[in-house]
N, C-alpha and C. Protein backbone atom coordinates (compact mmCIF):
# COMPACT_ATOMS: atom_id res chain seq x y z
N MET A 1 -4.27 85.65 -53.43
CA MET A 1 -4.86 85.18 -54.58
C MET A 1 -4.92 83.20 -54.08
N ILE A 2 -5.81 82.80 -54.29
CA ILE A 2 -5.91 81.56 -54.23
C ILE A 2 -5.08 80.45 -55.36
N LYS A 3 -4.29 79.85 -54.44
CA LYS A 3 -3.35 78.91 -56.17
C LYS A 3 -4.13 77.73 -56.47
N ASN A 4 -4.27 76.76 -55.07
CA ASN A 4 -5.19 75.82 -55.25
C ASN A 4 -5.86 75.25 -53.48
N ARG A 5 -6.47 74.49 -53.70
CA ARG A 5 -7.16 74.04 -52.41
C ARG A 5 -6.58 72.92 -51.95
N GLN A 6 -6.00 72.70 -50.69
CA GLN A 6 -5.98 71.50 -50.18
C GLN A 6 -6.23 71.34 -48.92
N TYR A 7 -6.48 70.11 -48.24
CA TYR A 7 -7.20 69.96 -46.85
C TYR A 7 -5.71 69.73 -46.10
N LEU A 8 -5.40 70.08 -44.96
CA LEU A 8 -4.50 70.41 -44.08
C LEU A 8 -4.65 69.83 -42.76
N SER A 9 -4.15 69.01 -42.42
CA SER A 9 -4.22 68.37 -40.69
C SER A 9 -3.46 69.76 -40.22
N MET A 10 -3.96 69.57 -38.70
CA MET A 10 -3.50 70.27 -37.75
C MET A 10 -1.57 70.46 -37.57
N ALA A 11 -1.39 69.59 -38.18
CA ALA A 11 0.34 69.15 -38.21
C ALA A 11 0.65 70.35 -39.28
N GLU A 12 0.33 69.69 -39.97
CA GLU A 12 0.80 70.30 -41.30
C GLU A 12 0.82 71.86 -41.61
N VAL A 13 -0.87 72.34 -40.48
CA VAL A 13 -0.80 73.95 -40.77
C VAL A 13 0.30 74.67 -39.82
N GLN A 14 0.57 73.44 -38.83
CA GLN A 14 1.34 74.02 -37.96
C GLN A 14 3.01 73.99 -38.22
N GLU A 15 3.63 73.11 -39.37
CA GLU A 15 4.50 73.37 -40.12
C GLU A 15 4.48 74.25 -41.21
N PHE A 16 3.27 74.76 -41.57
CA PHE A 16 3.27 76.23 -42.33
C PHE A 16 4.08 77.34 -41.30
N LEU A 17 2.68 77.44 -40.27
CA LEU A 17 3.47 78.68 -39.36
C LEU A 17 4.47 78.68 -38.85
N ASP A 18 5.04 77.72 -38.57
CA ASP A 18 6.26 77.79 -38.08
C ASP A 18 7.38 78.03 -39.55
N LEU A 19 7.02 77.74 -40.73
CA LEU A 19 8.01 78.86 -41.52
C LEU A 19 8.01 79.56 -41.85
N LYS A 20 6.73 80.61 -41.33
CA LYS A 20 6.32 81.57 -41.85
C LYS A 20 6.35 82.40 -40.04
N SER A 21 7.44 82.34 -39.45
CA SER A 21 7.21 83.01 -38.13
C SER A 21 7.18 84.07 -37.63
N ASP A 22 7.00 84.73 -39.10
CA ASP A 22 6.56 86.13 -38.56
C ASP A 22 5.18 86.42 -38.20
N HIS A 23 4.13 85.61 -38.66
CA HIS A 23 2.73 85.56 -39.09
C HIS A 23 2.43 84.06 -38.45
N GLY A 24 1.16 84.65 -37.67
CA GLY A 24 0.82 83.51 -36.61
C GLY A 24 0.99 82.68 -35.84
N LYS A 25 1.90 83.65 -35.11
CA LYS A 25 2.17 83.27 -33.73
C LYS A 25 1.02 82.99 -33.17
N GLU A 26 -0.24 83.86 -32.69
CA GLU A 26 -1.01 83.35 -32.18
C GLU A 26 -2.09 82.09 -32.68
N MET A 27 -2.19 81.89 -33.75
CA MET A 27 -2.55 80.80 -34.23
C MET A 27 -1.67 79.50 -34.13
N SER A 28 -0.56 79.52 -34.32
CA SER A 28 0.59 78.64 -33.96
C SER A 28 0.13 78.16 -32.10
N LEU A 29 0.35 79.04 -31.57
CA LEU A 29 0.13 78.92 -30.20
C LEU A 29 -1.11 77.56 -30.04
N PHE A 30 -2.19 78.35 -30.39
CA PHE A 30 -2.97 77.60 -30.38
C PHE A 30 -3.55 76.28 -31.04
N ILE A 31 -2.82 76.26 -32.11
CA ILE A 31 -2.80 74.67 -32.66
C ILE A 31 -1.83 73.87 -32.02
N LYS A 32 -0.85 74.39 -31.44
CA LYS A 32 -0.03 73.59 -31.01
C LYS A 32 -0.39 72.82 -29.45
N LYS A 33 -1.57 73.25 -28.92
CA LYS A 33 -2.33 72.75 -27.93
C LYS A 33 -3.17 71.58 -27.98
N PHE A 34 -3.56 71.41 -29.67
CA PHE A 34 -4.20 70.17 -29.86
C PHE A 34 -3.83 69.57 -30.93
N THR A 35 -2.94 69.52 -31.11
CA THR A 35 -1.93 68.95 -32.38
C THR A 35 -1.86 67.79 -31.65
N LYS A 36 -1.87 66.42 -31.98
CA LYS A 36 -1.61 65.27 -31.44
C LYS A 36 -0.31 64.67 -31.74
N LEU A 37 0.03 64.80 -33.22
CA LEU A 37 1.34 64.44 -34.34
C LEU A 37 2.16 65.41 -34.70
N THR A 38 3.62 65.22 -34.95
CA THR A 38 4.10 66.00 -35.54
C THR A 38 3.99 66.23 -37.38
N ALA A 39 4.14 66.82 -37.93
CA ALA A 39 4.10 67.55 -39.66
C ALA A 39 4.50 65.86 -40.27
N LYS A 40 5.89 65.97 -39.99
CA LYS A 40 6.28 64.06 -40.59
C LYS A 40 5.38 63.06 -40.18
N GLU A 41 5.01 62.84 -39.12
CA GLU A 41 4.14 62.01 -38.91
C GLU A 41 3.01 61.66 -39.35
N ALA A 42 1.94 63.26 -39.36
CA ALA A 42 0.97 63.22 -40.21
C ALA A 42 1.04 63.29 -41.79
N LYS A 43 1.89 63.42 -42.40
CA LYS A 43 2.12 63.32 -43.82
C LYS A 43 2.42 62.07 -43.70
N GLU A 44 3.03 60.76 -43.18
CA GLU A 44 3.60 59.74 -43.47
C GLU A 44 1.80 58.71 -42.84
N LEU A 45 0.88 59.11 -42.16
CA LEU A 45 -0.21 58.73 -41.55
C LEU A 45 -1.18 58.84 -43.23
N ARG A 46 -1.22 60.46 -43.32
CA ARG A 46 -2.29 60.84 -44.86
C ARG A 46 -1.64 59.65 -46.19
N LYS A 47 -0.52 59.49 -46.16
CA LYS A 47 -0.41 58.53 -47.14
C LYS A 47 -0.98 57.46 -46.85
N LYS A 48 -0.43 56.68 -45.54
CA LYS A 48 -0.86 55.00 -45.22
C LYS A 48 -2.82 55.10 -45.20
N LEU A 49 -2.85 56.40 -45.06
CA LEU A 49 -4.83 56.11 -45.18
C LEU A 49 -4.99 56.24 -46.57
N GLU A 50 -4.35 57.01 -47.11
CA GLU A 50 -4.78 57.17 -48.94
C GLU A 50 -4.34 55.59 -49.39
N GLU A 51 -3.58 54.91 -49.23
CA GLU A 51 -2.85 53.54 -49.74
C GLU A 51 -3.92 52.85 -49.39
N LEU A 52 -5.03 53.06 -48.47
CA LEU A 52 -6.26 52.11 -48.57
C LEU A 52 -6.94 51.45 -49.58
N ASN A 53 -6.97 53.22 -50.51
CA ASN A 53 -8.02 53.10 -51.52
C ASN A 53 -8.88 52.40 -51.19
N MET A 54 -9.86 53.49 -50.31
CA MET A 54 -11.02 52.80 -50.10
C MET A 54 -11.83 54.18 -50.99
N ALA A 55 -13.09 53.96 -51.86
CA ALA A 55 -13.74 54.87 -52.52
C ALA A 55 -14.37 56.54 -51.68
N LYS A 56 -14.72 55.48 -50.35
CA LYS A 56 -15.41 56.64 -49.36
C LYS A 56 -14.31 57.59 -48.46
N MET A 57 -12.99 57.16 -48.69
CA MET A 57 -12.11 58.02 -48.11
C MET A 57 -11.78 59.52 -48.96
N LYS A 58 -12.59 60.35 -48.35
CA LYS A 58 -12.25 61.90 -49.09
C LYS A 58 -11.12 62.53 -48.49
N GLU A 59 -10.52 63.44 -48.87
CA GLU A 59 -9.57 64.04 -48.30
C GLU A 59 -9.48 64.87 -46.82
N GLU A 60 -11.11 64.78 -46.70
CA GLU A 60 -11.48 65.97 -45.88
C GLU A 60 -11.33 64.84 -44.21
N TYR A 61 -11.80 63.08 -45.29
CA TYR A 61 -12.31 62.52 -43.92
C TYR A 61 -10.18 62.19 -43.25
N VAL A 62 -9.48 61.51 -44.61
CA VAL A 62 -8.13 61.86 -43.93
C VAL A 62 -7.91 62.49 -43.03
N VAL A 63 -8.15 64.19 -43.69
CA VAL A 63 -7.53 65.06 -42.21
C VAL A 63 -8.10 65.38 -41.10
N LYS A 64 -9.27 64.90 -40.46
CA LYS A 64 -10.09 65.05 -39.82
C LYS A 64 -9.69 63.30 -38.95
N ILE A 65 -9.21 62.52 -39.80
CA ILE A 65 -8.82 61.38 -39.30
C ILE A 65 -7.38 61.75 -38.09
N ILE A 66 -6.80 61.94 -38.93
CA ILE A 66 -5.64 62.20 -38.66
C ILE A 66 -5.48 63.51 -37.18
N ASP A 67 -6.49 64.38 -37.53
CA ASP A 67 -6.57 65.43 -36.16
C ASP A 67 -7.10 64.96 -35.29
N VAL A 68 -8.04 63.81 -35.28
CA VAL A 68 -8.71 63.18 -34.19
C VAL A 68 -7.91 62.00 -33.53
N LEU A 69 -7.24 61.09 -34.26
CA LEU A 69 -7.08 59.72 -33.93
C LEU A 69 -8.00 59.38 -33.09
N PRO A 70 -8.87 58.74 -33.91
CA PRO A 70 -10.07 58.16 -33.52
C PRO A 70 -9.59 56.48 -32.87
N ASP A 71 -9.84 56.62 -31.56
CA ASP A 71 -10.18 55.14 -31.00
C ASP A 71 -10.87 53.89 -31.34
N SER A 72 -12.36 54.00 -31.58
CA SER A 72 -13.42 53.54 -31.57
C SER A 72 -14.09 53.63 -32.92
N VAL A 73 -14.80 52.54 -33.01
CA VAL A 73 -15.44 52.76 -34.36
C VAL A 73 -16.55 53.38 -34.31
N GLN A 74 -17.09 54.43 -33.20
CA GLN A 74 -17.94 55.41 -32.73
C GLN A 74 -17.55 56.72 -33.13
N GLU A 75 -15.84 56.74 -32.75
CA GLU A 75 -15.67 58.00 -32.62
C GLU A 75 -15.34 58.51 -34.66
N LEU A 76 -14.61 56.87 -35.12
CA LEU A 76 -14.75 57.32 -36.38
C LEU A 76 -15.52 57.00 -37.80
N ASN A 77 -16.79 56.76 -36.56
CA ASN A 77 -18.12 57.41 -37.73
C ASN A 77 -18.36 58.78 -37.68
N LYS A 78 -17.91 59.46 -36.37
CA LYS A 78 -18.19 60.74 -36.16
C LYS A 78 -17.65 61.70 -37.61
N VAL A 79 -16.36 61.12 -37.94
CA VAL A 79 -15.68 61.55 -38.74
C VAL A 79 -15.85 61.60 -39.97
N PHE A 80 -17.02 60.37 -40.56
CA PHE A 80 -17.45 60.48 -41.74
C PHE A 80 -19.06 60.41 -41.57
N GLN A 81 -19.50 61.08 -40.88
CA GLN A 81 -21.11 61.81 -41.28
C GLN A 81 -21.41 61.84 -42.37
N GLY A 82 -22.47 61.22 -42.54
CA GLY A 82 -22.68 60.97 -43.87
C GLY A 82 -22.50 59.59 -44.63
N ALA A 83 -21.52 59.48 -44.46
CA ALA A 83 -21.28 58.29 -45.43
C ALA A 83 -20.65 56.97 -44.35
N SER A 84 -21.51 55.35 -44.34
CA SER A 84 -21.34 54.74 -43.94
C SER A 84 -20.18 54.09 -43.91
N LEU A 85 -19.23 53.52 -43.15
CA LEU A 85 -18.52 51.92 -42.98
C LEU A 85 -18.76 50.77 -43.29
N GLU A 86 -18.10 49.98 -43.76
CA GLU A 86 -18.43 48.76 -44.04
C GLU A 86 -17.38 48.21 -42.61
N GLU A 87 -17.28 47.33 -41.57
CA GLU A 87 -16.75 47.22 -41.04
C GLU A 87 -15.43 46.50 -40.92
N ASN A 88 -15.40 46.30 -41.88
CA ASN A 88 -13.79 45.57 -42.21
C ASN A 88 -13.09 46.94 -43.01
N GLU A 89 -13.73 48.14 -43.25
CA GLU A 89 -12.77 49.57 -43.48
C GLU A 89 -12.56 49.86 -42.48
N SER A 90 -13.68 50.01 -41.23
CA SER A 90 -13.46 50.89 -39.97
C SER A 90 -12.05 50.33 -39.43
N ASN A 91 -12.23 48.99 -39.46
CA ASN A 91 -10.83 48.07 -38.80
C ASN A 91 -9.74 48.24 -39.34
N LYS A 92 -9.63 48.38 -40.95
CA LYS A 92 -8.45 48.88 -41.39
C LYS A 92 -8.07 50.42 -41.35
N ILE A 93 -9.26 51.29 -41.13
CA ILE A 93 -8.86 52.87 -40.55
C ILE A 93 -8.14 52.57 -39.30
N LEU A 94 -8.65 51.95 -37.97
CA LEU A 94 -8.53 52.32 -36.95
C LEU A 94 -6.78 51.49 -36.50
N GLU A 95 -6.86 50.55 -37.33
CA GLU A 95 -5.48 49.96 -37.00
C GLU A 95 -4.68 50.27 -37.47
N THR A 96 -4.33 51.05 -38.88
CA THR A 96 -3.53 52.33 -39.03
C THR A 96 -3.53 53.60 -38.46
N VAL A 97 -4.33 53.55 -38.05
CA VAL A 97 -4.09 55.11 -36.91
C VAL A 97 -3.92 54.53 -35.35
N LYS A 98 -3.86 53.88 -35.35
CA LYS A 98 -3.02 52.90 -33.96
C LYS A 98 -1.84 52.95 -33.88
N GLN A 99 -1.16 52.92 -34.77
CA GLN A 99 0.79 53.03 -35.26
C GLN A 99 1.08 54.00 -35.04
N TYR A 100 0.14 55.65 -34.88
CA TYR A 100 0.79 56.54 -34.62
C TYR A 100 -0.32 56.82 -32.77
N LYS A 101 -0.09 56.49 -32.08
CA LYS A 101 -0.54 56.69 -31.20
C LYS A 101 0.07 56.14 -30.07
């Protein structure tokens, strides 16, 4: 039964799978290959991105930013498909992400 719906970064999924060590070992190995941050770092970055208080910053965008860690405006725009960012918004996001590279 689904109690609530929350978007999770791959690092947060990895943390969850590690807690449930009997389940998802194959999935855990797959996620480890592509996860760039620890769960702690992902949660910190999530908080910082949410603190930017941008109307366009939906939860699913935050999670994708954490997973991809974009380096450029072009990469960031791919995350925000269907929503355009102002230059200052893009710069704020990229500066925040840069702290975790």
